[in-house]
Amino acid sequence: VNSLRLQREVAPRATTSEAEWTISERDYPEGDVVLGVEVRTHSVKAALVDVANGEFQRPGLVAKVNEPYGADELIDAMRRAVDSYSEYSGPIGCSVTRAVVRQFGNESQFLEEVRGRLRRPD
């Protein structure tokens, strides 16, 4: 749990604002904590989430997708969001909005491409 409270430097063009995030009032998570990533067409949100109750453990961040909003720009934003949690080494949960699926095609194919391009070295 203490490792979750480490301070980190946020990557360029990734922002965090406590006003946008409802933070858990618990001192310790009830369940496992994972990095949750939400992929949208113009931004990618990332935060540490308690899987037992879905509560954020601290404010997350938003990485804007640079224009022209293609697959490469979206994956770049995802990389910035995930890399800003460099001290985190656990599972990553990812949700993709319907608009992203419409723009880039089949969700599983898109996520496989993303997984390959975002994989961290072992």
Protein backbone atom coordinates (compact mmCIF):
# COMPACT_ATOMS: atom_id res chain seq x y z
CA VAL A 1 0.00 0.00 0.00
CA ASN A 2 2.82 2.44 0.78
CA SER A 3 4.18 2.06 -2.76
CA LEU A 4 0.83 3.40 -4.05
CA ARG A 5 1.47 6.66 -2.24
CA LEU A 6 4.77 7.37 -4.00
CA GLN A 7 5.05 10.76 -5.64
CA ARG A 8 5.61 10.78 -9.37
CA GLU A 9 6.35 13.27 -12.07
CA VAL A 10 3.55 13.44 -14.62
CA ALA A 11 4.56 13.03 -18.26
CA PRO A 12 4.30 16.09 -20.53
CA ARG A 13 0.80 16.78 -21.82
CA ALA A 14 -0.76 14.53 -19.16
CA THR A 15 -2.72 16.46 -16.56
CA THR A 16 -4.24 15.69 -13.20
CA SER A 17 -6.93 17.57 -11.31
CA GLU A 18 -8.45 16.44 -8.03
CA ALA A 19 -11.65 18.33 -8.82
CA GLU A 20 -12.45 15.81 -11.56
CA TRP A 21 -11.91 12.64 -9.50
CA THR A 22 -13.93 11.29 -6.58
CA ILE A 23 -11.28 9.82 -4.29
CA SER A 24 -11.85 6.99 -1.81
CA GLU A 25 -12.12 8.06 1.82
CA ARG A 26 -10.70 4.71 2.99
CA ASP A 27 -7.16 4.58 4.35
CA TYR A 28 -6.52 1.22 2.69
CA PRO A 29 -8.10 -0.45 -0.35
CA GLU A 30 -10.64 -3.22 0.22
CA GLY A 31 -9.39 -5.32 -2.70
CA ASP A 32 -6.59 -5.44 -5.20
CA VAL A 33 -5.53 -2.22 -6.86
CA VAL A 34 -5.12 -2.09 -10.63
CA LEU A 35 -4.32 0.63 -13.11
CA GLY A 36 -7.57 1.46 -14.89
CA VAL A 37 -7.36 3.05 -18.34
CA GLU A 38 -10.31 4.52 -20.23
CA VAL A 39 -9.69 5.15 -23.93
CA ARG A 40 -11.70 7.92 -25.55
CA THR A 41 -11.35 9.46 -29.01
CA HIS A 42 -9.75 12.70 -27.76
CA SER A 43 -8.22 11.64 -24.43
CA VAL A 44 -7.06 8.72 -22.33
CA LYS A 45 -7.79 8.62 -18.59
CA ALA A 46 -5.74 6.54 -16.15
CA ALA A 47 -6.01 6.01 -12.39
CA LEU A 48 -5.29 3.43 -9.69
CA VAL A 49 -8.58 1.73 -8.86
CA ASP A 50 -9.68 -0.56 -6.01
CA VAL A 51 -11.30 -3.52 -7.79
CA ALA A 52 -13.48 -4.39 -4.80
CA ASN A 53 -15.49 -1.18 -5.01
CA GLY A 54 -14.33 0.73 -8.11
CA GLU A 55 -13.01 3.67 -6.08
CA PHE A 56 -10.04 5.75 -7.19
CA GLN A 57 -7.07 5.53 -4.82
CA ARG A 58 -5.76 8.98 -5.81
CA PRO A 59 -6.45 11.47 -8.56
CA GLY A 60 -5.78 10.07 -11.99
CA LEU A 61 -4.59 11.84 -15.07
CA VAL A 62 -5.80 12.71 -18.53
CA ALA A 63 -3.52 12.44 -21.56
CA LYS A 64 -4.89 14.36 -24.53
CA VAL A 65 -4.80 12.72 -27.96
CA ASN A 66 -2.89 14.92 -30.39
CA GLU A 67 -4.47 15.77 -33.73
CA PRO A 68 -5.21 14.32 -36.29
CA TYR A 69 -6.70 11.75 -33.85
CA GLY A 70 -5.41 8.63 -35.60
CA ALA A 71 -4.40 5.28 -34.14
CA ASP A 72 -0.77 6.35 -33.66
CA GLU A 73 -1.80 9.48 -31.76
CA LEU A 74 -4.23 7.49 -29.61
CA ILE A 75 -1.57 4.91 -28.76
CA ASP A 76 0.88 7.72 -27.96
CA ALA A 77 -1.64 9.15 -25.46
CA MET A 78 -2.12 5.68 -23.96
CA ARG A 79 1.65 5.29 -23.63
CA ARG A 80 1.92 8.64 -21.83
CA ALA A 81 -0.92 7.70 -19.47
CA VAL A 82 0.51 4.25 -18.62
CA ASP A 83 4.13 5.49 -18.43
CA SER A 84 3.14 8.13 -15.88
CA TYR A 85 2.58 5.18 -13.50
CA SER A 86 6.09 3.80 -14.06
CA GLU A 87 6.37 2.52 -10.46
CA TYR A 88 3.21 0.44 -10.95
CA SER A 89 3.85 -3.09 -12.26
CA GLY A 90 0.51 -4.86 -11.79
CA PRO A 91 -2.39 -5.59 -14.10
CA ILE A 92 -3.90 -2.90 -16.29
CA GLY A 93 -7.62 -2.84 -17.00
CA CYS A 94 -8.70 -1.06 -20.16
CA SER A 95 -12.09 0.15 -21.35
CA VAL A 96 -12.67 1.50 -24.83
CA THR A 97 -15.58 3.77 -25.66
CA ARG A 98 -17.94 2.88 -28.47
CA ALA A 99 -16.74 5.92 -30.44
CA VAL A 100 -13.19 4.52 -30.47
CA VAL A 101 -14.44 1.12 -31.64
CA ARG A 102 -16.42 2.81 -34.42
CA GLN A 103 -13.37 4.81 -35.48
CA PHE A 104 -10.76 2.04 -35.30
CA GLY A 105 -12.79 -1.12 -35.88
CA ASN A 106 -13.09 -4.34 -33.90
CA GLU A 107 -12.29 -3.73 -30.23
CA SER A 108 -10.31 -6.94 -29.70
CA GLN A 109 -8.14 -6.35 -32.79
CA PHE A 110 -7.49 -2.75 -31.74
CA LEU A 111 -6.63 -3.80 -28.16
CA GLU A 112 -4.25 -6.51 -29.43
CA GLU A 113 -2.43 -3.90 -31.52
CA VAL A 114 -2.30 -1.57 -28.54
CA ARG A 115 -1.06 -4.34 -26.23
CA GLY A 116 1.79 -5.14 -28.60
CA ARG A 117 2.82 -1.52 -28.94
CA LEU A 118 2.54 -0.66 -25.24
CA ARG A 119 4.21 -3.78 -23.82
CA ARG A 120 6.85 -2.91 -21.24
CA PRO A 121 10.18 -4.74 -21.34
CA ASP A 122 10.39 -7.59 -18.80
